[in-house]
Amino acid sequence: MMMKFNADNGSNRNQCRAAVPRQLQVSFRGESYVEAGGAVFTPPLNFAMVECGIYRSGFPDSDNFSFLETLNLRSIIYLCPEPYPDANVEFLKANGIQLFQFGIEGCKEPFVNIPEEKIREALKVAIDVKNHPLLIHCKRGKHRTGCLVGCLRKSQRWCLTSVFDEYQRFAAAKARLSDQRFMEMFDASSFKNLPKSFSVSKRTQLVSG
């Protein structure tokens, strides 16, 4: 499902902004920080930058809206089946943010299949620079978000060890073998036209030979 709101939230949304302080490029607990002038900003739970123009987090609430405004978001990928809360919808309208919803059940059962087609459709949205800056989120920013980001990493040719390491940083003790199996089996070969800004990872590129 896609929802688009036409308000404009500012300029230069195509640029990769350094809006996130270095110490908050990863914020597992949603720690607040104070900018010069006394403004307080609180990132959502499990917030992190994935790539230039792509962020991930748990479900943002009203305490996080002022922080999200600093990202100049153009789109949000929402991976839960529940309707978006009214307060969040109003925030999107006020800031001209497009919502892409791919309802994936947050099932803990080990033999329930993750819907690959929804992950593929969400990944197409995520790598389209016309949708950047973009935030990916589910409820806690661990499993559904972790699977989507892991599939993105496979399209970047990250080795599985690095894909799993990143997934486990956010899932921690809640890591699921079924998620890791899904990422391992995911065929990312059809995602070839990645943005030049992140098509190859110098840190964790899969080395052949």
Protein backbone atom coordinates (compact mmCIF):
# COMPACT_ATOMS: atom_id res chain seq x y z
CA MET A 1 0.00 0.00 0.00
CA MET A 2 1.25 3.49 -0.84
CA MET A 3 0.10 6.78 0.65
CA LYS A 4 1.46 10.08 -0.65
CA PHE A 5 1.08 13.50 0.92
CA ASN A 6 2.00 16.61 -1.05
CA ALA A 7 3.20 19.06 1.59
CA ASP A 8 6.83 20.14 1.25
CA ASN A 9 9.11 19.77 4.26
CA GLY A 10 12.11 21.71 3.02
CA SER A 11 14.88 21.76 0.46
CA ASN A 12 17.78 19.52 -0.59
CA ARG A 13 16.05 16.22 0.12
CA ASN A 14 18.06 14.57 -2.64
CA GLN A 15 21.30 15.24 -0.82
CA CYS A 16 22.82 12.92 1.75
CA ARG A 17 22.67 15.13 4.79
CA ALA A 18 24.95 14.90 7.81
CA ALA A 19 21.97 15.61 10.06
CA VAL A 20 22.70 12.70 12.39
CA PRO A 21 25.42 13.38 14.95
CA ARG A 22 28.28 10.91 14.80
CA GLN A 23 27.49 9.53 18.26
CA LEU A 24 23.88 8.85 17.22
CA GLN A 25 24.42 7.14 13.88
CA VAL A 26 23.34 4.07 15.87
CA SER A 27 20.90 4.55 18.76
CA PHE A 28 19.70 1.25 20.18
CA ARG A 29 17.82 2.77 23.13
CA GLY A 30 16.58 6.01 21.57
CA GLU A 31 18.90 8.27 23.55
CA SER A 32 18.07 11.97 23.39
CA TYR A 33 20.63 14.61 22.53
CA VAL A 34 20.66 18.39 22.80
CA GLU A 35 21.76 20.62 19.94
CA ALA A 36 23.23 24.07 20.26
CA GLY A 37 20.39 26.33 21.31
CA GLY A 38 18.85 23.78 23.63
CA ALA A 39 16.63 21.83 21.21
CA VAL A 40 16.16 18.22 22.35
CA PHE A 41 15.94 15.44 19.75
CA THR A 42 15.12 11.79 20.41
CA PRO A 43 15.74 9.15 17.72
CA PRO A 44 13.40 6.15 17.53
CA LEU A 45 14.41 2.89 19.15
CA ASN A 46 17.14 1.04 17.21
CA PHE A 47 17.76 3.97 14.90
CA ALA A 48 20.73 3.75 12.53
CA MET A 49 21.91 4.94 9.16
CA VAL A 50 22.01 2.05 6.68
CA GLU A 51 23.41 3.91 3.70
CA CYS A 52 23.44 7.44 2.38
CA GLY A 53 19.74 8.29 2.20
CA ILE A 54 18.48 5.14 3.97
CA TYR A 55 17.76 4.81 7.70
CA ARG A 56 16.25 2.10 9.90
CA SER A 57 14.50 2.10 13.27
CA GLY A 58 11.75 0.80 15.47
CA PHE A 59 8.28 2.35 15.38
CA PRO A 60 8.57 6.14 15.75
CA ASP A 61 6.20 7.94 18.10
CA SER A 62 5.47 11.60 18.70
CA ASP A 63 8.60 12.02 20.83
CA ASN A 64 10.66 11.18 17.75
CA PHE A 65 8.98 13.49 15.24
CA SER A 66 11.28 16.48 15.76
CA PHE A 67 14.28 14.22 15.20
CA LEU A 68 12.78 12.72 12.04
CA GLU A 69 12.23 16.22 10.69
CA THR A 70 16.02 16.73 10.71
CA LEU A 71 16.35 13.84 8.22
CA ASN A 72 14.15 15.56 5.58
CA LEU A 73 12.51 12.23 4.83
CA ARG A 74 10.79 11.72 1.52
CA SER A 75 9.48 8.19 2.20
CA ILE A 76 8.82 5.63 4.93
CA ILE A 77 8.70 1.87 4.43
CA TYR A 78 6.41 0.38 7.09
CA LEU A 79 6.63 -3.40 7.45
CA CYS A 80 3.73 -4.11 9.84
CA PRO A 81 0.15 -5.05 8.83
CA GLU A 82 -1.56 -2.77 11.38
CA PRO A 83 -2.94 0.61 10.23
CA TYR A 84 -0.61 3.56 10.69
CA PRO A 85 -1.57 5.58 13.79
CA ASP A 86 -3.42 8.83 13.21
CA ALA A 87 -0.68 10.93 14.82
CA ASN A 88 1.91 9.41 12.49
CA VAL A 89 -0.32 9.96 9.46
CA GLU A 90 -0.69 13.62 10.41
CA PHE A 91 3.09 13.89 10.73
CA LEU A 92 3.49 12.46 7.22
CA LYS A 93 0.94 14.89 5.81
CA ALA A 94 2.60 17.87 7.47
CA ASN A 95 5.99 16.90 6.09
CA GLY A 96 5.08 15.60 2.63
CA ILE A 97 6.33 12.08 3.36
CA GLN A 98 5.17 9.14 1.26
CA LEU A 99 4.21 5.94 3.09
CA PHE A 100 4.85 2.51 1.59
CA GLN A 101 3.26 -0.23 3.68
CA PHE A 102 4.19 -3.89 3.23
CA GLY A 103 2.23 -5.76 5.89
CA ILE A 104 4.35 -8.61 7.22
CA GLU A 105 3.12 -10.48 10.27
CA GLY A 106 5.57 -10.46 13.19
CA CYS A 107 5.32 -14.20 13.73
CA LYS A 108 7.71 -15.97 16.09
CA GLU A 109 6.86 -19.46 14.83
CA PRO A 110 9.97 -21.15 13.39
CA PHE A 111 8.28 -22.70 10.35
CA VAL A 112 6.23 -19.73 9.16
CA ASN A 113 7.57 -18.43 5.88
CA ILE A 114 8.58 -14.79 5.51
CA PRO A 115 6.70 -13.43 2.44
CA GLU A 116 9.53 -13.09 -0.06
CA GLU A 117 7.47 -11.16 -2.59
CA LYS A 118 6.75 -8.39 -0.06
CA ILE A 119 10.44 -8.19 0.84
CA ARG A 120 11.30 -7.90 -2.87
CA GLU A 121 8.75 -5.13 -3.42
CA ALA A 122 9.96 -3.28 -0.34
CA LEU A 123 13.57 -3.63 -1.51
CA LYS A 124 12.68 -2.10 -4.88
CA VAL A 125 11.29 0.92 -3.06
CA ALA A 126 14.30 1.13 -0.75
CA ILE A 127 16.92 1.23 -3.51
CA ASP A 128 15.04 3.75 -5.67
CA VAL A 129 16.79 7.06 -5.09
CA LYS A 130 13.58 8.92 -5.96
CA ASN A 131 12.30 7.75 -2.57
CA HIS A 132 15.33 8.96 -0.61
CA PRO A 133 15.83 10.00 2.13
CA LEU A 134 13.91 7.00 3.41
CA LEU A 135 13.22 5.33 6.76
CA ILE A 136 12.57 1.57 7.11
CA HIS A 137 10.78 0.50 10.24
CA CYS A 138 8.64 -2.22 11.79
CA LYS A 139 7.70 -2.44 15.47
CA ARG A 140 11.06 -2.86 17.20
CA GLY A 141 13.41 -2.44 14.25
CA LYS A 142 14.82 -5.93 14.71
CA HIS A 143 13.33 -8.80 12.69
CA ARG A 144 11.29 -7.52 9.74
CA THR A 145 13.51 -4.49 9.32
CA GLY A 146 16.57 -6.66 9.84
CA CYS A 147 15.50 -9.07 7.09
CA LEU A 148 14.92 -6.26 4.61
CA VAL A 149 18.26 -4.61 5.40
CA GLY A 150 19.97 -8.02 5.21
CA CYS A 151 18.55 -8.57 1.72
CA LEU A 152 19.76 -5.10 0.76
CA ARG A 153 23.23 -6.09 1.96
CA LYS A 154 23.12 -9.23 -0.17
CA SER A 155 22.33 -7.07 -3.20
CA GLN A 156 25.50 -5.13 -2.28
CA ARG A 157 27.39 -8.44 -2.27
CA TRP A 158 28.16 -8.43 1.44
CA CYS A 159 29.38 -11.78 2.72
CA LEU A 160 26.89 -13.69 4.89
CA THR A 161 29.03 -13.30 8.00
CA SER A 162 28.74 -9.52 7.76
CA VAL A 163 25.02 -9.69 6.94
CA PHE A 164 24.39 -11.82 10.04
CA ASP A 165 26.64 -9.68 12.24
CA GLU A 166 24.63 -6.58 11.38
CA TYR A 167 21.32 -8.40 11.91
CA GLN A 168 22.45 -9.66 15.31
CA ARG A 169 23.57 -6.20 16.46
CA PHE A 170 19.92 -5.15 16.44
CA ALA A 171 18.15 -8.45 17.19
CA ALA A 172 20.62 -9.37 19.97
CA ALA A 173 19.15 -12.13 22.15
CA LYS A 174 15.98 -12.07 20.01
CA ALA A 175 17.80 -13.21 16.85
CA ARG A 176 15.81 -15.78 14.90
CA LEU A 177 17.30 -18.63 12.93
CA SER A 178 14.37 -18.42 10.49
CA ASP A 179 15.30 -14.81 9.65
CA GLN A 180 18.91 -15.74 9.02
CA ARG A 181 17.89 -18.71 6.91
CA PHE A 182 15.64 -16.44 4.84
CA MET A 183 18.47 -13.97 4.23
CA GLU A 184 20.85 -16.78 3.32
CA MET A 185 18.45 -18.20 0.74
CA PHE A 186 17.37 -14.83 -0.69
CA ASP A 187 18.41 -14.47 -4.34
CA ALA A 188 19.51 -10.87 -4.83
CA SER A 189 20.89 -11.37 -8.34
CA SER A 190 18.00 -9.48 -9.94
CA PHE A 191 18.90 -6.28 -8.06
CA LYS A 192 21.69 -5.05 -10.29
CA ASN A 193 21.04 -1.33 -10.80
CA LEU A 194 21.91 -0.09 -7.34
CA PRO A 195 22.60 3.59 -6.70
CA LYS A 196 26.27 4.38 -7.30
CA SER A 197 26.51 5.79 -3.78
CA PHE A 198 26.20 2.33 -2.21
CA SER A 199 26.37 -0.37 -4.88
CA VAL A 200 29.67 -1.71 -3.54
CA SER A 201 30.69 -1.89 0.11
CA LYS A 202 34.42 -1.41 0.59
CA ARG A 203 34.25 -2.82 4.10
CA THR A 204 32.50 -6.10 3.56
CA GLN A 205 32.36 -6.80 -0.16
CA LEU A 206 32.28 -10.50 -1.00
CA VAL A 207 35.70 -11.42 -2.35
CA SER A 208 35.71 -14.00 -5.13
CA GLY A 209 38.51 -16.32 -5.98
